[in-house]
Amino acid sequence: MAESRVAMSKRSKNSASGASDHQAFSSMILADTSGLLALLDAGEPRHDDVRRAVESDSGPLLTIDFVLAETDFLVRSRLGEGAGRAFIAQVCAGALQREPVTPADLSRAAAILAQFADQSFGLNDATLMAVAERLGTPVLTLDRRHFGVFRTEKATALALLP
């Protein structure tokens, strides 16, 4: 697949080095690997749905470093090294805002893994669920199998986009 197919709209002017003050935004979206891959690759079947979901929200597009690493690996393996370099360049330019994973997030992720042991969640998904729960933000994901069954400590489902 061509490198030119990898494109992500710049969502915020925040540094890619870490999260900024979230109180300045009325909304934000936390991205999972599947959502980022669909956003990056115009050839993905759900690309337009994901792009519209991201463009309809004025807040920053956030993710965690676990997702960045997984996305980088999958972009490079599916779309090529040039696409991988383009993805990292977009991250460095501020297209994504990195949300730090706290020790409390990791503890919550461990609890999620134990609570949903029959669902085969990995650390990546469980940590993203914990961060989404902490921030109270929707998750950009195509993974309804895992994210659709998760319930927060208040027994509510996460808002999933698209």
N, C-alpha and C. Protein backbone atom coordinates (compact mmCIF):
# COMPACT_ATOMS: atom_id res chain seq x y z
N MET A 1 0.84 -1.17 0.00
CA MET A 1 0.00 0.00 0.00
C MET A 1 0.88 1.24 0.00
N ALA A 2 0.41 2.26 -0.59
CA ALA A 2 1.21 3.46 -0.78
C ALA A 2 1.31 4.29 0.49
N GLU A 3 2.47 4.89 0.68
CA GLU A 3 2.72 5.75 1.82
C GLU A 3 1.77 6.93 1.84
N SER A 4 1.37 7.42 0.69
CA SER A 4 0.50 8.59 0.61
C SER A 4 -0.89 8.33 1.18
N ARG A 5 -1.24 7.08 1.38
CA ARG A 5 -2.55 6.76 1.95
C ARG A 5 -2.59 6.97 3.46
N VAL A 6 -1.45 7.20 4.08
CA VAL A 6 -1.39 7.36 5.52
C VAL A 6 -1.49 8.83 5.85
N ALA A 7 -2.63 9.23 6.38
CA ALA A 7 -2.82 10.64 6.72
C ALA A 7 -3.79 10.76 7.88
N MET A 8 -3.45 11.64 8.76
CA MET A 8 -4.27 11.90 9.93
C MET A 8 -4.42 13.41 10.03
N SER A 9 -5.63 13.87 10.23
CA SER A 9 -5.84 15.30 10.39
C SER A 9 -5.21 15.77 11.68
N LYS A 10 -4.57 16.93 11.63
CA LYS A 10 -4.03 17.50 12.86
C LYS A 10 -5.19 17.96 13.71
N ARG A 11 -5.24 17.49 14.96
CA ARG A 11 -6.38 17.74 15.83
C ARG A 11 -6.12 18.82 16.86
N SER A 12 -4.89 19.00 17.28
CA SER A 12 -4.63 20.00 18.31
C SER A 12 -3.24 20.56 18.13
N LYS A 13 -2.99 21.66 18.75
CA LYS A 13 -1.67 22.27 18.69
C LYS A 13 -0.83 21.85 19.88
N ASN A 14 -1.28 20.85 20.62
CA ASN A 14 -0.56 20.39 21.80
C ASN A 14 0.64 19.56 21.40
N SER A 15 1.65 19.59 22.24
CA SER A 15 2.86 18.83 22.00
C SER A 15 2.58 17.34 22.02
N ALA A 16 3.27 16.61 21.18
CA ALA A 16 3.14 15.16 21.17
C ALA A 16 3.90 14.53 22.33
N SER A 17 4.62 15.34 23.09
CA SER A 17 5.43 14.78 24.18
C SER A 17 4.60 14.40 25.39
N GLY A 18 3.40 14.88 25.49
CA GLY A 18 2.58 14.53 26.64
C GLY A 18 1.28 15.29 26.62
N ALA A 19 0.37 14.91 27.49
CA ALA A 19 -0.95 15.50 27.53
C ALA A 19 -0.89 16.91 28.09
N SER A 20 -1.78 17.75 27.62
CA SER A 20 -1.87 19.10 28.15
C SER A 20 -3.07 19.19 29.07
N ASP A 21 -3.43 20.38 29.42
CA ASP A 21 -4.55 20.62 30.34
C ASP A 21 -5.86 20.29 29.64
N HIS A 22 -6.51 19.20 30.05
CA HIS A 22 -7.73 18.75 29.40
C HIS A 22 -8.93 19.64 29.71
N GLN A 23 -8.85 20.46 30.76
CA GLN A 23 -9.98 21.31 31.11
C GLN A 23 -10.27 22.34 30.01
N ALA A 24 -9.31 22.61 29.15
CA ALA A 24 -9.52 23.60 28.10
C ALA A 24 -10.45 23.08 27.00
N PHE A 25 -10.74 21.77 27.00
CA PHE A 25 -11.56 21.17 25.96
C PHE A 25 -12.86 20.66 26.53
N SER A 26 -13.95 20.87 25.80
CA SER A 26 -15.24 20.34 26.23
C SER A 26 -15.36 18.87 25.88
N SER A 27 -14.58 18.41 24.91
CA SER A 27 -14.62 17.01 24.50
C SER A 27 -13.26 16.58 24.00
N MET A 28 -13.06 15.29 24.01
CA MET A 28 -11.85 14.69 23.48
C MET A 28 -12.17 13.24 23.15
N ILE A 29 -11.33 12.63 22.34
CA ILE A 29 -11.51 11.24 21.94
C ILE A 29 -10.21 10.50 22.25
N LEU A 30 -10.34 9.32 22.83
CA LEU A 30 -9.20 8.46 23.11
C LEU A 30 -9.16 7.36 22.05
N ALA A 31 -8.06 7.27 21.32
CA ALA A 31 -7.97 6.36 20.17
C ALA A 31 -7.32 5.03 20.51
N ASP A 32 -7.94 3.97 20.06
CA ASP A 32 -7.41 2.61 20.10
C ASP A 32 -6.68 2.34 18.79
N THR A 33 -5.89 1.30 18.77
CA THR A 33 -5.14 0.94 17.56
C THR A 33 -6.04 0.75 16.35
N SER A 34 -7.14 0.04 16.50
CA SER A 34 -8.02 -0.22 15.35
C SER A 34 -8.60 1.08 14.79
N GLY A 35 -8.93 2.02 15.66
CA GLY A 35 -9.44 3.31 15.21
C GLY A 35 -8.37 4.10 14.48
N LEU A 36 -7.15 4.09 15.01
CA LEU A 36 -6.06 4.80 14.34
C LEU A 36 -5.74 4.19 12.99
N LEU A 37 -5.70 2.86 12.92
CA LEU A 37 -5.40 2.22 11.63
C LEU A 37 -6.45 2.58 10.58
N ALA A 38 -7.72 2.57 10.99
CA ALA A 38 -8.78 2.92 10.03
C ALA A 38 -8.69 4.39 9.64
N LEU A 39 -8.28 5.24 10.57
CA LEU A 39 -8.13 6.67 10.26
C LEU A 39 -6.95 6.91 9.32
N LEU A 40 -5.88 6.19 9.52
CA LEU A 40 -4.66 6.37 8.75
C LEU A 40 -4.74 5.83 7.33
N ASP A 41 -5.44 4.74 7.14
CA ASP A 41 -5.44 4.03 5.86
C ASP A 41 -6.77 4.24 5.13
N ALA A 42 -6.73 5.05 4.08
CA ALA A 42 -7.93 5.33 3.30
C ALA A 42 -8.52 4.07 2.66
N GLY A 43 -7.74 3.00 2.59
CA GLY A 43 -8.23 1.75 2.03
C GLY A 43 -8.99 0.89 3.02
N GLU A 44 -8.99 1.26 4.28
CA GLU A 44 -9.74 0.51 5.29
C GLU A 44 -11.23 0.70 5.08
N PRO A 45 -12.03 -0.37 5.19
CA PRO A 45 -13.48 -0.27 4.95
C PRO A 45 -14.20 0.77 5.81
N ARG A 46 -13.78 0.99 7.05
CA ARG A 46 -14.45 1.94 7.94
C ARG A 46 -13.75 3.31 8.00
N HIS A 47 -12.82 3.55 7.08
CA HIS A 47 -12.05 4.80 7.09
C HIS A 47 -12.94 6.04 7.13
N ASP A 48 -13.92 6.11 6.26
CA ASP A 48 -14.77 7.31 6.21
C ASP A 48 -15.57 7.50 7.49
N ASP A 49 -16.08 6.41 8.06
CA ASP A 49 -16.83 6.51 9.33
C ASP A 49 -15.93 7.04 10.45
N VAL A 50 -14.72 6.51 10.52
CA VAL A 50 -13.78 6.94 11.56
C VAL A 50 -13.37 8.39 11.34
N ARG A 51 -13.06 8.74 10.11
CA ARG A 51 -12.67 10.12 9.80
C ARG A 51 -13.77 11.10 10.18
N ARG A 52 -15.02 10.77 9.85
CA ARG A 52 -16.14 11.65 10.20
C ARG A 52 -16.29 11.78 11.72
N ALA A 53 -16.12 10.70 12.44
CA ALA A 53 -16.23 10.74 13.91
C ALA A 53 -15.16 11.66 14.50
N VAL A 54 -13.96 11.58 13.98
CA VAL A 54 -12.86 12.42 14.48
C VAL A 54 -13.09 13.88 14.09
N GLU A 55 -13.49 14.12 12.86
CA GLU A 55 -13.68 15.48 12.39
C GLU A 55 -14.87 16.17 13.05
N SER A 56 -15.85 15.40 13.53
CA SER A 56 -17.03 16.00 14.14
C SER A 56 -16.80 16.44 15.58
N ASP A 57 -15.65 16.12 16.14
CA ASP A 57 -15.33 16.48 17.52
C ASP A 57 -14.23 17.54 17.51
N SER A 58 -14.42 18.60 18.27
CA SER A 58 -13.45 19.69 18.24
C SER A 58 -12.30 19.52 19.22
N GLY A 59 -12.40 18.56 20.11
CA GLY A 59 -11.35 18.36 21.10
C GLY A 59 -10.18 17.57 20.55
N PRO A 60 -9.17 17.37 21.39
CA PRO A 60 -7.97 16.65 20.93
C PRO A 60 -8.21 15.16 20.74
N LEU A 61 -7.42 14.57 19.88
CA LEU A 61 -7.39 13.12 19.70
C LEU A 61 -6.24 12.62 20.56
N LEU A 62 -6.58 11.82 21.56
CA LEU A 62 -5.60 11.31 22.52
C LEU A 62 -5.31 9.84 22.28
N THR A 63 -4.17 9.40 22.74
CA THR A 63 -3.89 7.98 22.82
C THR A 63 -2.83 7.76 23.88
N ILE A 64 -2.53 6.50 24.15
CA ILE A 64 -1.50 6.16 25.12
C ILE A 64 -0.31 5.56 24.37
N ASP A 65 0.84 5.55 25.02
CA ASP A 65 2.04 5.06 24.36
C ASP A 65 1.93 3.60 23.94
N PHE A 66 1.19 2.78 24.70
CA PHE A 66 1.01 1.38 24.31
C PHE A 66 0.36 1.31 22.92
N VAL A 67 -0.64 2.15 22.70
CA VAL A 67 -1.33 2.18 21.41
C VAL A 67 -0.41 2.71 20.31
N LEU A 68 0.39 3.72 20.63
CA LEU A 68 1.34 4.24 19.63
C LEU A 68 2.29 3.14 19.16
N ALA A 69 2.81 2.37 20.10
CA ALA A 69 3.76 1.31 19.74
C ALA A 69 3.08 0.24 18.88
N GLU A 70 1.89 -0.17 19.28
CA GLU A 70 1.17 -1.19 18.51
C GLU A 70 0.79 -0.67 17.12
N THR A 71 0.33 0.57 17.05
CA THR A 71 -0.04 1.17 15.77
C THR A 71 1.16 1.29 14.85
N ASP A 72 2.28 1.75 15.40
CA ASP A 72 3.50 1.86 14.61
C ASP A 72 3.88 0.51 14.01
N PHE A 73 3.86 -0.54 14.83
CA PHE A 73 4.20 -1.88 14.34
C PHE A 73 3.26 -2.30 13.21
N LEU A 74 1.96 -2.11 13.41
CA LEU A 74 0.99 -2.57 12.41
C LEU A 74 1.04 -1.71 11.14
N VAL A 75 1.24 -0.42 11.27
CA VAL A 75 1.37 0.44 10.08
C VAL A 75 2.58 -0.01 9.27
N ARG A 76 3.71 -0.23 9.94
CA ARG A 76 4.91 -0.65 9.22
C ARG A 76 4.74 -2.03 8.57
N SER A 77 4.09 -2.95 9.27
CA SER A 77 3.95 -4.30 8.71
C SER A 77 2.90 -4.36 7.61
N ARG A 78 1.86 -3.55 7.70
CA ARG A 78 0.79 -3.59 6.69
C ARG A 78 0.98 -2.60 5.55
N LEU A 79 1.53 -1.41 5.87
CA LEU A 79 1.62 -0.35 4.87
C LEU A 79 3.04 -0.02 4.44
N GLY A 80 4.03 -0.52 5.17
CA GLY A 80 5.42 -0.30 4.79
C GLY A 80 6.15 0.69 5.69
N GLU A 81 7.47 0.67 5.55
CA GLU A 81 8.34 1.51 6.38
C GLU A 81 8.08 3.01 6.15
N GLY A 82 7.84 3.39 4.93
CA GLY A 82 7.56 4.80 4.65
C GLY A 82 6.30 5.28 5.35
N ALA A 83 5.30 4.43 5.37
CA ALA A 83 4.06 4.76 6.07
C ALA A 83 4.31 4.88 7.57
N GLY A 84 5.16 4.00 8.09
CA GLY A 84 5.50 4.07 9.51
C GLY A 84 6.20 5.37 9.85
N ARG A 85 7.14 5.78 9.01
CA ARG A 85 7.82 7.06 9.24
C ARG A 85 6.85 8.23 9.15
N ALA A 86 5.92 8.16 8.21
CA ALA A 86 4.92 9.23 8.07
C ALA A 86 4.02 9.30 9.30
N PHE A 87 3.64 8.14 9.84
CA PHE A 87 2.82 8.11 11.05
C PHE A 87 3.55 8.77 12.21
N ILE A 88 4.80 8.40 12.44
CA ILE A 88 5.57 8.98 13.55
C ILE A 88 5.76 10.48 13.33
N ALA A 89 5.97 10.91 12.10
CA ALA A 89 6.11 12.34 11.83
C ALA A 89 4.83 13.09 12.20
N GLN A 90 3.67 12.49 11.91
CA GLN A 90 2.40 13.11 12.26
C GLN A 90 2.23 13.19 13.77
N VAL A 91 2.64 12.15 14.47
CA VAL A 91 2.57 12.16 15.94
C VAL A 91 3.45 13.29 16.48
N CYS A 92 4.66 13.38 15.97
CA CYS A 92 5.59 14.42 16.42
C CYS A 92 5.07 15.83 16.10
N ALA A 93 4.30 15.95 15.03
CA ALA A 93 3.75 17.25 14.63
C ALA A 93 2.50 17.63 15.42
N GLY A 94 2.02 16.74 16.28
CA GLY A 94 0.88 17.07 17.13
C GLY A 94 -0.47 16.56 16.68
N ALA A 95 -0.50 15.64 15.71
CA ALA A 95 -1.78 15.10 15.25
C ALA A 95 -2.46 14.28 16.34
N LEU A 96 -1.67 13.74 17.24
CA LEU A 96 -2.18 12.99 18.39
C LEU A 96 -1.58 13.58 19.65
N GLN A 97 -2.34 13.55 20.69
CA GLN A 97 -1.85 13.99 22.00
C GLN A 97 -1.65 12.75 22.86
N ARG A 98 -0.49 12.60 23.46
CA ARG A 98 -0.19 11.43 24.29
C ARG A 98 -0.72 11.64 25.69
N GLU A 99 -1.54 10.70 26.15
CA GLU A 99 -2.07 10.74 27.51
C GLU A 99 -1.22 9.80 28.37
N PRO A 100 -0.61 10.33 29.43
CA PRO A 100 0.21 9.47 30.28
C PRO A 100 -0.62 8.39 30.98
N VAL A 101 -0.03 7.22 31.12
CA VAL A 101 -0.62 6.13 31.88
C VAL A 101 -0.08 6.25 33.30
N THR A 102 -0.98 6.38 34.25
CA THR A 102 -0.58 6.55 35.64
C THR A 102 -0.45 5.19 36.33
N PRO A 103 0.21 5.16 37.47
CA PRO A 103 0.23 3.90 38.25
C PRO A 103 -1.18 3.42 38.59
N ALA A 104 -2.09 4.35 38.87
CA ALA A 104 -3.49 3.97 39.15
C ALA A 104 -4.14 3.35 37.91
N ASP A 105 -3.81 3.86 36.72
CA ASP A 105 -4.34 3.27 35.48
C ASP A 105 -3.86 1.83 35.32
N LEU A 106 -2.58 1.59 35.61
CA LEU A 106 -2.06 0.22 35.49
C LEU A 106 -2.70 -0.71 36.51
N SER A 107 -2.93 -0.21 37.73
CA SER A 107 -3.63 -1.02 38.73
C SER A 107 -5.04 -1.34 38.29
N ARG A 108 -5.72 -0.33 37.73
CA ARG A 108 -7.08 -0.55 37.24
C ARG A 108 -7.06 -1.54 36.06
N ALA A 109 -6.05 -1.43 35.18
CA ALA A 109 -5.93 -2.36 34.05
C ALA A 109 -5.76 -3.79 34.56
N ALA A 110 -4.97 -3.97 35.61
CA ALA A 110 -4.81 -5.31 36.18
C ALA A 110 -6.13 -5.83 36.71
N ALA A 111 -6.92 -4.97 37.34
CA ALA A 111 -8.23 -5.37 37.85
C ALA A 111 -9.18 -5.72 36.70
N ILE A 112 -9.11 -4.95 35.62
CA ILE A 112 -9.93 -5.23 34.44
C ILE A 112 -9.56 -6.59 33.85
N LEU A 113 -8.26 -6.86 33.75
CA LEU A 113 -7.81 -8.15 33.22
C LEU A 113 -8.32 -9.30 34.08
N ALA A 114 -8.32 -9.12 35.39
CA ALA A 114 -8.83 -10.17 36.28
C ALA A 114 -10.34 -10.31 36.18
N GLN A 115 -11.03 -9.18 36.17
CA GLN A 115 -12.50 -9.19 36.13
C GLN A 115 -13.03 -9.78 34.82
N PHE A 116 -12.36 -9.50 33.73
CA PHE A 116 -12.81 -9.95 32.41
C PHE A 116 -11.86 -11.02 31.85
N ALA A 117 -11.37 -11.90 32.71
CA ALA A 117 -10.40 -12.92 32.31
C ALA A 117 -10.91 -13.81 31.17
N ASP A 118 -12.21 -14.01 31.11
CA ASP A 118 -12.78 -14.86 30.05
C ASP A 118 -12.85 -14.16 28.70
N GLN A 119 -12.52 -12.88 28.64
CA GLN A 119 -12.61 -12.11 27.39
C GLN A 119 -11.30 -11.98 26.63
N SER A 120 -10.20 -12.43 27.21
CA SER A 120 -8.88 -12.37 26.55
C SER A 120 -8.45 -10.95 26.22
N PHE A 121 -8.76 -10.00 27.11
CA PHE A 121 -8.23 -8.64 26.93
C PHE A 121 -6.72 -8.71 27.10
N GLY A 122 -6.01 -7.88 26.37
CA GLY A 122 -4.58 -7.72 26.59
C GLY A 122 -4.33 -6.47 27.41
N LEU A 123 -3.09 -6.28 27.82
CA LEU A 123 -2.73 -5.11 28.63
C LEU A 123 -3.02 -3.81 27.88
N ASN A 124 -2.80 -3.81 26.58
CA ASN A 124 -3.06 -2.61 25.78
C ASN A 124 -4.53 -2.18 25.89
N ASP A 125 -5.45 -3.09 25.63
CA ASP A 125 -6.88 -2.76 25.69
C ASP A 125 -7.31 -2.42 27.12
N ALA A 126 -6.86 -3.22 28.10
CA ALA A 126 -7.25 -2.98 29.49
C ALA A 126 -6.76 -1.62 29.97
N THR A 127 -5.55 -1.24 29.58
CA THR A 127 -5.03 0.06 29.99
C THR A 127 -5.79 1.19 29.31
N LEU A 128 -6.11 1.02 28.04
CA LEU A 128 -6.90 2.05 27.35
C LEU A 128 -8.28 2.18 27.99
N MET A 129 -8.87 1.07 28.38
CA MET A 129 -10.17 1.10 29.07
C MET A 129 -10.05 1.86 30.39
N ALA A 130 -8.98 1.61 31.14
CA ALA A 130 -8.77 2.29 32.41
C ALA A 130 -8.60 3.80 32.21
N VAL A 131 -7.86 4.19 31.20
CA VAL A 131 -7.65 5.62 30.92
C VAL A 131 -8.95 6.26 30.46
N ALA A 132 -9.71 5.58 29.61
CA ALA A 132 -11.00 6.11 29.16
C ALA A 132 -11.96 6.27 30.33
N GLU A 133 -11.93 5.32 31.24
CA GLU A 133 -12.77 5.40 32.43
C GLU A 133 -12.36 6.60 33.29
N ARG A 134 -11.06 6.80 33.49
CA ARG A 134 -10.57 7.94 34.28
C ARG A 134 -10.95 9.28 33.65
N LEU A 135 -10.77 9.38 32.34
CA LEU A 135 -11.04 10.64 31.65
C LEU A 135 -12.52 10.86 31.34
N GLY A 136 -13.30 9.79 31.31
CA GLY A 136 -14.70 9.89 30.94
C GLY A 136 -14.87 10.28 29.48
N THR A 137 -14.01 9.75 28.64
CA THR A 137 -13.99 10.13 27.23
C THR A 137 -14.38 8.95 26.34
N PRO A 138 -14.97 9.21 25.17
CA PRO A 138 -15.27 8.12 24.25
C PRO A 138 -14.00 7.52 23.66
N VAL A 139 -14.13 6.29 23.19
CA VAL A 139 -13.00 5.57 22.60
C VAL A 139 -13.26 5.36 21.12
N LEU A 140 -12.29 5.75 20.31
CA LEU A 140 -12.33 5.52 18.86
C LEU A 140 -11.78 4.12 18.62
N THR A 141 -12.66 3.18 18.32
CA THR A 141 -12.24 1.79 18.14
C THR A 141 -13.20 1.05 17.23
N LEU A 142 -12.68 0.08 16.53
CA LEU A 142 -13.52 -0.84 15.77
C LEU A 142 -13.66 -2.16 16.51
N ASP A 143 -13.00 -2.28 17.64
CA ASP A 143 -12.97 -3.50 18.44
C ASP A 143 -14.17 -3.55 19.38
N ARG A 144 -15.32 -3.90 18.85
CA ARG A 144 -16.53 -4.01 19.67
C ARG A 144 -16.53 -5.28 20.51
N ARG A 145 -15.79 -6.28 20.08
CA ARG A 145 -15.74 -7.55 20.82
C ARG A 145 -15.19 -7.33 22.23
N HIS A 146 -14.12 -6.56 22.37
CA HIS A 146 -13.55 -6.31 23.69
C HIS A 146 -14.16 -5.08 24.36
N PHE A 147 -14.16 -3.96 23.66
CA PHE A 147 -14.62 -2.72 24.28
C PHE A 147 -16.13 -2.72 24.51
N GLY A 148 -16.87 -3.51 23.74
CA GLY A 148 -18.32 -3.58 23.91
C GLY A 148 -18.78 -4.30 25.16
N VAL A 149 -17.97 -5.21 25.68
CA VAL A 149 -18.37 -5.94 26.89
C VAL A 149 -17.87 -5.28 28.17
N PHE A 150 -16.88 -4.41 28.06
CA PHE A 150 -16.31 -3.78 29.25
C PHE A 150 -17.33 -2.86 29.93
N ARG A 151 -17.32 -2.90 31.25
CA ARG A 151 -18.13 -1.98 32.06
C ARG A 151 -17.23 -1.31 33.07
N THR A 152 -17.45 -0.02 33.30
CA THR A 152 -16.65 0.75 34.25
C THR A 152 -16.98 0.31 35.67
N GLU A 153 -16.28 0.90 36.62
CA GLU A 153 -16.56 0.61 38.03
C GLU A 153 -17.97 1.03 38.42
N LYS A 154 -18.55 1.96 37.66
CA LYS A 154 -19.94 2.40 37.89
C LYS A 154 -20.93 1.57 37.08
N ALA A 155 -20.45 0.48 36.49
CA ALA A 155 -21.27 -0.46 35.70
C ALA A 155 -21.85 0.17 34.44
N THR A 156 -21.17 1.15 33.87
CA THR A 156 -21.62 1.75 32.62
C THR A 156 -20.67 1.35 31.48
N ALA A 157 -21.22 1.36 30.30
CA ALA A 157 -20.43 1.06 29.11
C ALA A 157 -19.66 2.32 28.69
N LEU A 158 -18.53 2.10 28.05
CA LEU A 158 -17.80 3.23 27.46
C LEU A 158 -18.54 3.68 26.19
N ALA A 159 -18.46 4.96 25.90
CA ALA A 159 -18.98 5.46 24.61
C ALA A 159 -17.95 5.07 23.55
N LEU A 160 -18.42 4.40 22.50
CA LEU A 160 -17.53 3.93 21.43
C LEU A 160 -17.85 4.65 20.13
N LEU A 161 -16.79 5.06 19.45
CA LEU A 161 -16.91 5.73 18.15
C LEU A 161 -16.19 4.90 17.11
N PRO A 162 -16.50 4.83 15.86
CA PRO A 162 -17.69 5.47 15.30
C PRO A 162 -18.93 4.66 15.62
